[in-house]
Amino acid sequence: MTKTAPDFSFETAAAARGARLICGVDEVGRGPLCGPVTAAAVILDPARIPAGLGDSKALSAARRLSLAAEIHATAEVAIAHASVEEIDEINILQASHLAMQRAIAALPRAPDHALIDGNRLPKGLTCTAEAVVKGDARVLSIAAASIVAKVARDALMESLSQQYPGYGWERNAGYPTKDHLAALVSLGVTPAHRRSFRPVHNILCQAPSSKA
């Protein structure tokens, strides 16, 4: 089956209902064993939409970097995080929603409407919103948000990998790859790991101490 590219129809429909500033919102980092969850909110300029926007997971790292630079240059962008401590305290879904709330609130101009990837909406938004399942593959604003969120979080994980070498975060972004799981056993748990996630929790239950 041929995949269709994201388009501007959701934004156009929202504008027809009276919304003036429409943002797309997406998060990255729900699955990793460490690091924050990161969200981005993007208000595209309809006259300056970068060509080739799509689901960040389907793009090469080089293409994501190039598109992220274009998005930052042509759109209104905000990036926000929810910390490892917040993930462990309120759970990953609620932390993802918290990062989304923060990203929307951090935009230079407050949006009238938000198009949010997924099937649930964060609570407490100051604008109207709609959830769009697989939105990063269907909605241009969400696709743009997925790209800048992914690039921002990857850069953060690369920086963390220098602080805690040996886990391969510069390659795996904290996801539970074979080398990351092996490093958890051999090197132990770091402060950047999510203690509420089962593989990390299991190591902590087995080990007498964790890595400081």
C-alpha atoms as a PDB file:
ATOM      1  CA  MET A   1       0.000   0.000   0.000  1.00  0.00           C
ATOM      2  CA  THR A   2       1.373   3.415  -0.961  1.00  0.00           C
ATOM      3  CA  LYS A   3       1.997   5.740   1.962  1.00  0.00           C
ATOM      4  CA  THR A   4       0.521   9.222   1.646  1.00  0.00           C
ATOM      5  CA  ALA A   5       2.537  12.244   2.717  1.00  0.00           C
ATOM      6  CA  PRO A   6       1.284  14.547   5.478  1.00  0.00           C
ATOM      7  CA  ASP A   7      -0.698  17.540   4.257  1.00  0.00           C
ATOM      8  CA  PHE A   8      -2.143  20.833   5.495  1.00  0.00           C
ATOM      9  CA  SER A   9      -5.805  19.775   5.512  1.00  0.00           C
ATOM     10  CA  PHE A  10      -6.164  19.624   9.305  1.00  0.00           C
ATOM     11  CA  GLU A  11      -4.695  23.112   9.655  1.00  0.00           C
ATOM     12  CA  THR A  12      -6.945  24.412   6.858  1.00  0.00           C
ATOM     13  CA  ALA A  13     -10.034  22.930   8.511  1.00  0.00           C
ATOM     14  CA  ALA A  14      -9.128  24.486  11.859  1.00  0.00           C
ATOM     15  CA  ALA A  15      -8.612  27.863  10.188  1.00  0.00           C
ATOM     16  CA  ALA A  16     -12.020  27.545   8.537  1.00  0.00           C
ATOM     17  CA  ARG A  17     -13.507  27.131  12.021  1.00  0.00           C
ATOM     18  CA  GLY A  18     -11.920  30.419  13.070  1.00  0.00           C
ATOM     19  CA  ALA A  19      -8.515  29.440  14.456  1.00  0.00           C
ATOM     20  CA  ARG A  20      -5.791  31.933  13.552  1.00  0.00           C
ATOM     21  CA  LEU A  21      -2.667  30.336  15.013  1.00  0.00           C
ATOM     22  CA  ILE A  22      -2.555  26.541  14.756  1.00  0.00           C
ATOM     23  CA  CYS A  23       0.262  24.463  16.195  1.00  0.00           C
ATOM     24  CA  GLY A  24       1.242  20.862  15.681  1.00  0.00           C
ATOM     25  CA  VAL A  25       2.518  18.973  18.722  1.00  0.00           C
ATOM     26  CA  ASP A  26       4.435  15.716  19.066  1.00  0.00           C
ATOM     27  CA  GLU A  27       6.675  14.018  21.583  1.00  0.00           C
ATOM     28  CA  VAL A  28       9.624  11.669  21.405  1.00  0.00           C
ATOM     29  CA  GLY A  29      11.208   9.469  24.026  1.00  0.00           C
ATOM     30  CA  ARG A  30       8.402   7.458  25.579  1.00  0.00           C
ATOM     31  CA  GLY A  31      10.164   4.132  25.025  1.00  0.00           C
ATOM     32  CA  PRO A  32      13.758   4.748  26.173  1.00  0.00           C
ATOM     33  CA  LEU A  33      15.052   3.542  29.531  1.00  0.00           C
ATOM     34  CA  CYS A  34      16.713   6.862  30.297  1.00  0.00           C
ATOM     35  CA  GLY A  35      16.635  10.571  29.660  1.00  0.00           C
ATOM     36  CA  PRO A  36      13.688  12.953  29.481  1.00  0.00           C
ATOM     37  CA  VAL A  37      10.647  12.785  27.268  1.00  0.00           C
ATOM     38  CA  THR A  38      10.755  15.689  24.808  1.00  0.00           C
ATOM     39  CA  ALA A  39       7.914  17.515  23.067  1.00  0.00           C
ATOM     40  CA  ALA A  40       7.814  20.174  20.401  1.00  0.00           C
ATOM     41  CA  ALA A  41       5.112  22.576  19.267  1.00  0.00           C
ATOM     42  CA  VAL A  42       5.344  24.153  15.817  1.00  0.00           C
ATOM     43  CA  ILE A  43       3.285  26.848  14.099  1.00  0.00           C
ATOM     44  CA  LEU A  44       4.066  26.612  10.388  1.00  0.00           C
ATOM     45  CA  ASP A  45       3.938  29.587   8.054  1.00  0.00           C
ATOM     46  CA  PRO A  46       1.649  28.375   5.228  1.00  0.00           C
ATOM     47  CA  ALA A  47       3.765  30.305   2.718  1.00  0.00           C
ATOM     48  CA  ARG A  48       7.073  28.806   3.910  1.00  0.00           C
ATOM     49  CA  ILE A  49       6.489  25.129   4.621  1.00  0.00           C
ATOM     50  CA  PRO A  50       9.742  23.158   4.191  1.00  0.00           C
ATOM     51  CA  ALA A  51       9.551  20.514   1.473  1.00  0.00           C
ATOM     52  CA  GLY A  52       9.835  16.878   2.492  1.00  0.00           C
ATOM     53  CA  LEU A  53       8.256  16.986   5.956  1.00  0.00           C
ATOM     54  CA  GLY A  54       7.292  13.541   7.229  1.00  0.00           C
ATOM     55  CA  ASP A  55       7.315  11.253  10.224  1.00  0.00           C
ATOM     56  CA  SER A  56      10.713  11.731  11.876  1.00  0.00           C
ATOM     57  CA  LYS A  57      11.107   7.958  12.307  1.00  0.00           C
ATOM     58  CA  ALA A  58      11.025   7.501   8.526  1.00  0.00           C
ATOM     59  CA  LEU A  59      13.780  10.047   7.850  1.00  0.00           C
ATOM     60  CA  SER A  60      17.543   9.644   7.980  1.00  0.00           C
ATOM     61  CA  ALA A  61      19.426  11.451  10.734  1.00  0.00           C
ATOM     62  CA  ALA A  62      21.003  13.799   8.197  1.00  0.00           C
ATOM     63  CA  ARG A  63      17.644  14.632   6.657  1.00  0.00           C
ATOM     64  CA  ARG A  64      16.139  15.290  10.094  1.00  0.00           C
ATOM     65  CA  LEU A  65      18.944  17.714  10.917  1.00  0.00           C
ATOM     66  CA  SER A  66      18.480  19.564   7.644  1.00  0.00           C
ATOM     67  CA  LEU A  67      14.709  19.792   8.025  1.00  0.00           C
ATOM     68  CA  ALA A  68      14.956  20.822  11.680  1.00  0.00           C
ATOM     69  CA  ALA A  69      17.158  23.751  10.704  1.00  0.00           C
ATOM     70  CA  GLU A  70      14.619  24.766   8.050  1.00  0.00           C
ATOM     71  CA  ILE A  71      11.727  24.477  10.479  1.00  0.00           C
ATOM     72  CA  HIS A  72      13.492  26.629  13.061  1.00  0.00           C
ATOM     73  CA  ALA A  73      14.215  29.229  10.366  1.00  0.00           C
ATOM     74  CA  THR A  74      10.697  29.429   8.932  1.00  0.00           C
ATOM     75  CA  ALA A  75       8.270  28.540  11.744  1.00  0.00           C
ATOM     76  CA  GLU A  76       7.485  29.333  15.371  1.00  0.00           C
ATOM     77  CA  VAL A  77       8.976  26.531  17.451  1.00  0.00           C
ATOM     78  CA  ALA A  78       9.091  25.589  21.114  1.00  0.00           C
ATOM     79  CA  ILE A  79      10.706  22.532  22.694  1.00  0.00           C
ATOM     80  CA  ALA A  80      10.122  21.288  26.235  1.00  0.00           C
ATOM     81  CA  HIS A  81      10.946  18.285  28.383  1.00  0.00           C
ATOM     82  CA  ALA A  82       9.671  16.274  31.305  1.00  0.00           C
ATOM     83  CA  SER A  83      12.493  14.967  33.451  1.00  0.00           C
ATOM     84  CA  VAL A  84      13.405  11.441  34.477  1.00  0.00           C
ATOM     85  CA  GLU A  85      12.227  12.292  37.997  1.00  0.00           C
ATOM     86  CA  GLU A  86       8.858  13.457  36.667  1.00  0.00           C
ATOM     87  CA  ILE A  87       8.517  10.322  34.523  1.00  0.00           C
ATOM     88  CA  ASP A  88       9.138   8.127  37.570  1.00  0.00           C
ATOM     89  CA  GLU A  89       6.742  10.155  39.713  1.00  0.00           C
ATOM     90  CA  ILE A  90       3.711  10.571  37.429  1.00  0.00           C
ATOM     91  CA  ASN A  91       4.286   7.852  34.731  1.00  0.00           C
ATOM     92  CA  ILE A  92       5.434   8.193  31.137  1.00  0.00           C
ATOM     93  CA  LEU A  93       2.032   9.050  29.619  1.00  0.00           C
ATOM     94  CA  GLN A  94       1.398  11.899  32.035  1.00  0.00           C
ATOM     95  CA  ALA A  95       4.993  13.096  31.660  1.00  0.00           C
ATOM     96  CA  SER A  96       4.571  13.108  27.857  1.00  0.00           C
ATOM     97  CA  HIS A  97       1.452  15.241  28.245  1.00  0.00           C
ATOM     98  CA  LEU A  98       3.303  17.550  30.642  1.00  0.00           C
ATOM     99  CA  ALA A  99       6.077  18.075  28.081  1.00  0.00           C
ATOM    100  CA  MET A 100       3.428  18.829  25.438  1.00  0.00           C
ATOM    101  CA  GLN A 101       1.731  21.374  27.714  1.00  0.00           C
ATOM    102  CA  ARG A 102       5.078  23.050  28.340  1.00  0.00           C
ATOM    103  CA  ALA A 103       5.934  23.180  24.636  1.00  0.00           C
ATOM    104  CA  ILE A 104       2.602  24.796  23.737  1.00  0.00           C
ATOM    105  CA  ALA A 105       2.972  27.315  26.575  1.00  0.00           C
ATOM    106  CA  ALA A 106       6.516  28.187  25.432  1.00  0.00           C
ATOM    107  CA  LEU A 107       5.547  29.199  21.881  1.00  0.00           C
ATOM    108  CA  PRO A 108       6.314  32.856  21.066  1.00  0.00           C
ATOM    109  CA  ARG A 109       2.613  33.440  20.382  1.00  0.00           C
ATOM    110  CA  ALA A 110      -0.204  31.558  22.085  1.00  0.00           C
ATOM    111  CA  PRO A 111      -1.976  29.283  19.594  1.00  0.00           C
ATOM    112  CA  ASP A 112      -5.752  29.196  19.150  1.00  0.00           C
ATOM    113  CA  HIS A 113      -5.777  25.489  18.328  1.00  0.00           C
ATOM    114  CA  ALA A 114      -3.424  22.533  18.756  1.00  0.00           C
ATOM    115  CA  LEU A 115      -3.187  19.408  16.603  1.00  0.00           C
ATOM    116  CA  ILE A 116      -1.696  16.737  18.840  1.00  0.00           C
ATOM    117  CA  ASP A 117      -0.270  13.393  17.802  1.00  0.00           C
ATOM    118  CA  GLY A 118      -1.943  10.404  19.429  1.00  0.00           C
ATOM    119  CA  ASN A 119      -5.367   9.451  20.722  1.00  0.00           C
ATOM    120  CA  ARG A 120      -5.415  11.400  23.996  1.00  0.00           C
ATOM    121  CA  LEU A 121      -5.227  15.084  24.805  1.00  0.00           C
ATOM    122  CA  PRO A 122      -3.213  16.621  27.642  1.00  0.00           C
ATOM    123  CA  LYS A 123      -5.299  18.246  30.336  1.00  0.00           C
ATOM    124  CA  GLY A 124      -5.162  21.924  31.152  1.00  0.00           C
ATOM    125  CA  LEU A 125      -4.464  23.311  27.681  1.00  0.00           C
ATOM    126  CA  THR A 126      -5.214  26.993  27.172  1.00  0.00           C
ATOM    127  CA  CYS A 127      -6.422  26.487  23.591  1.00  0.00           C
ATOM    128  CA  THR A 128      -8.770  24.128  21.799  1.00  0.00           C
ATOM    129  CA  ALA A 129      -7.150  20.899  20.637  1.00  0.00           C
ATOM    130  CA  GLU A 130      -7.740  17.700  18.725  1.00  0.00           C
ATOM    131  CA  ALA A 131      -5.917  14.394  18.866  1.00  0.00           C
ATOM    132  CA  VAL A 132      -4.818  12.907  15.548  1.00  0.00           C
ATOM    133  CA  VAL A 133      -3.841   9.240  15.487  1.00  0.00           C
ATOM    134  CA  LYS A 134      -0.610   8.782  13.499  1.00  0.00           C
ATOM    135  CA  GLY A 135      -0.587  12.548  13.163  1.00  0.00           C
ATOM    136  CA  ASP A 136       3.132  12.702  12.386  1.00  0.00           C
ATOM    137  CA  ALA A 137       2.376  10.912   9.099  1.00  0.00           C
ATOM    138  CA  ARG A 138      -0.823  12.861   8.331  1.00  0.00           C
ATOM    139  CA  VAL A 139      -0.452  16.465   9.505  1.00  0.00           C
ATOM    140  CA  LEU A 140       2.349  18.758   8.358  1.00  0.00           C
ATOM    141  CA  SER A 141       2.539  20.732  11.607  1.00  0.00           C
ATOM    142  CA  ILE A 142       2.770  17.540  13.655  1.00  0.00           C
ATOM    143  CA  ALA A 143       5.387  16.108  11.282  1.00  0.00           C
ATOM    144  CA  ALA A 144       7.447  19.267  11.797  1.00  0.00           C
ATOM    145  CA  ALA A 145       7.084  18.935  15.572  1.00  0.00           C
ATOM    146  CA  SER A 146       8.158  15.292  15.459  1.00  0.00           C
ATOM    147  CA  ILE A 147      11.333  16.236  13.591  1.00  0.00           C
ATOM    148  CA  VAL A 148      12.462  19.054  15.866  1.00  0.00           C
ATOM    149  CA  ALA A 149      11.622  17.031  18.994  1.00  0.00           C
ATOM    150  CA  LYS A 150      13.626  14.045  17.746  1.00  0.00           C
ATOM    151  CA  VAL A 151      16.654  16.173  16.799  1.00  0.00           C
ATOM    152  CA  ALA A 152      16.583  17.993  20.153  1.00  0.00           C
ATOM    153  CA  ARG A 153      16.326  14.819  22.211  1.00  0.00           C
ATOM    154  CA  ASP A 154      19.006  12.992  20.199  1.00  0.00           C
ATOM    155  CA  ALA A 155      21.406  15.879  20.839  1.00  0.00           C
ATOM    156  CA  LEU A 156      20.599  15.787  24.543  1.00  0.00           C
ATOM    157  CA  MET A 157      21.202  12.029  24.711  1.00  0.00           C
ATOM    158  CA  GLU A 158      24.512  12.414  22.882  1.00  0.00           C
ATOM    159  CA  SER A 159      25.549  14.933  25.535  1.00  0.00           C
ATOM    160  CA  LEU A 160      24.449  12.574  28.325  1.00  0.00           C
ATOM    161  CA  SER A 161      26.454   9.782  26.702  1.00  0.00           C
ATOM    162  CA  GLN A 162      29.626  11.774  27.350  1.00  0.00           C
ATOM    163  CA  GLN A 163      28.689  12.121  31.013  1.00  0.00           C
ATOM    164  CA  TYR A 164      27.846   8.420  31.281  1.00  0.00           C
ATOM    165  CA  PRO A 165      29.905   6.574  28.640  1.00  0.00           C
ATOM    166  CA  GLY A 166      29.498   2.928  27.789  1.00  0.00           C
ATOM    167  CA  TYR A 167      25.728   2.725  27.328  1.00  0.00           C
ATOM    168  CA  GLY A 168      25.714   3.714  23.650  1.00  0.00           C
ATOM    169  CA  TRP A 169      23.204   6.540  24.086  1.00  0.00           C
ATOM    170  CA  GLU A 170      24.819   8.448  21.228  1.00  0.00           C
ATOM    171  CA  ARG A 171      23.626   5.588  18.992  1.00  0.00           C
ATOM    172  CA  ASN A 172      20.532   4.189  20.698  1.00  0.00           C
ATOM    173  CA  ALA A 173      19.127   7.412  22.244  1.00  0.00           C
ATOM    174  CA  GLY A 174      18.439   5.440  25.408  1.00  0.00           C
ATOM    175  CA  TYR A 175      16.207   2.806  23.836  1.00  0.00           C
ATOM    176  CA  PRO A 176      16.538  -0.751  25.219  1.00  0.00           C
ATOM    177  CA  THR A 177      18.919  -2.099  22.598  1.00  0.00           C
ATOM    178  CA  LYS A 178      21.037  -5.175  23.231  1.00  0.00           C
ATOM    179  CA  ASP A 179      24.160  -3.114  24.001  1.00  0.00           C
ATOM    180  CA  HIS A 180      22.259  -0.792  26.345  1.00  0.00           C
ATOM    181  CA  LEU A 181      20.759  -3.704  28.290  1.00  0.00           C
ATOM    182  CA  ALA A 182      24.166  -5.369  28.525  1.00  0.00           C
ATOM    183  CA  ALA A 183      25.701  -2.124  29.832  1.00  0.00           C
ATOM    184  CA  LEU A 184      22.979  -1.872  32.463  1.00  0.00           C
ATOM    185  CA  VAL A 185      24.104  -5.232  33.808  1.00  0.00           C
ATOM    186  CA  SER A 186      27.844  -4.567  33.574  1.00  0.00           C
ATOM    187  CA  LEU A 187      27.992  -0.867  34.478  1.00  0.00           C
ATOM    188  CA  GLY A 188      24.877  -0.413  36.578  1.00  0.00           C
ATOM    189  CA  VAL A 189      22.100   2.155  36.718  1.00  0.00           C
ATOM    190  CA  THR A 190      22.872   5.878  36.298  1.00  0.00           C
ATOM    191  CA  PRO A 191      20.938   8.877  37.639  1.00  0.00           C
ATOM    192  CA  ALA A 192      19.694   9.400  34.069  1.00  0.00           C
ATOM    193  CA  HIS A 193      17.861   6.056  34.035  1.00  0.00           C
ATOM    194  CA  ARG A 194      14.121   5.769  34.596  1.00  0.00           C
ATOM    195  CA  ARG A 195      13.742   3.686  37.722  1.00  0.00           C
ATOM    196  CA  SER A 196      10.050   3.016  37.083  1.00  0.00           C
ATOM    197  CA  PHE A 197      10.844   1.153  33.831  1.00  0.00           C
ATOM    198  CA  ARG A 198      10.964  -2.601  34.308  1.00  0.00           C
ATOM    199  CA  PRO A 199      14.483  -3.413  32.953  1.00  0.00           C
ATOM    200  CA  VAL A 200      15.977  -0.674  35.163  1.00  0.00           C
ATOM    201  CA  HIS A 201      13.825  -1.612  38.154  1.00  0.00           C
ATOM    202  CA  ASN A 202      14.868  -5.250  37.804  1.00  0.00           C
ATOM    203  CA  ILE A 203      18.566  -4.340  37.800  1.00  0.00           C
ATOM    204  CA  LEU A 204      18.100  -2.181  40.895  1.00  0.00           C
ATOM    205  CA  CYS A 205      16.353  -5.027  42.688  1.00  0.00           C
ATOM    206  CA  GLN A 206      19.269  -7.338  41.909  1.00  0.00           C
ATOM    207  CA  ALA A 207      22.179  -4.952  42.490  1.00  0.00           C
ATOM    208  CA  PRO A 208      23.448  -3.840  45.889  1.00  0.00           C
ATOM    209  CA  SER A 209      24.102  -0.329  44.587  1.00  0.00           C
ATOM    210  CA  SER A 210      23.683   1.836  41.489  1.00  0.00           C
ATOM    211  CA  LYS A 211      26.136   4.044  39.669  1.00  0.00           C
ATOM    212  CA  ALA A 212      26.340   7.548  41.168  1.00  0.00           C
END
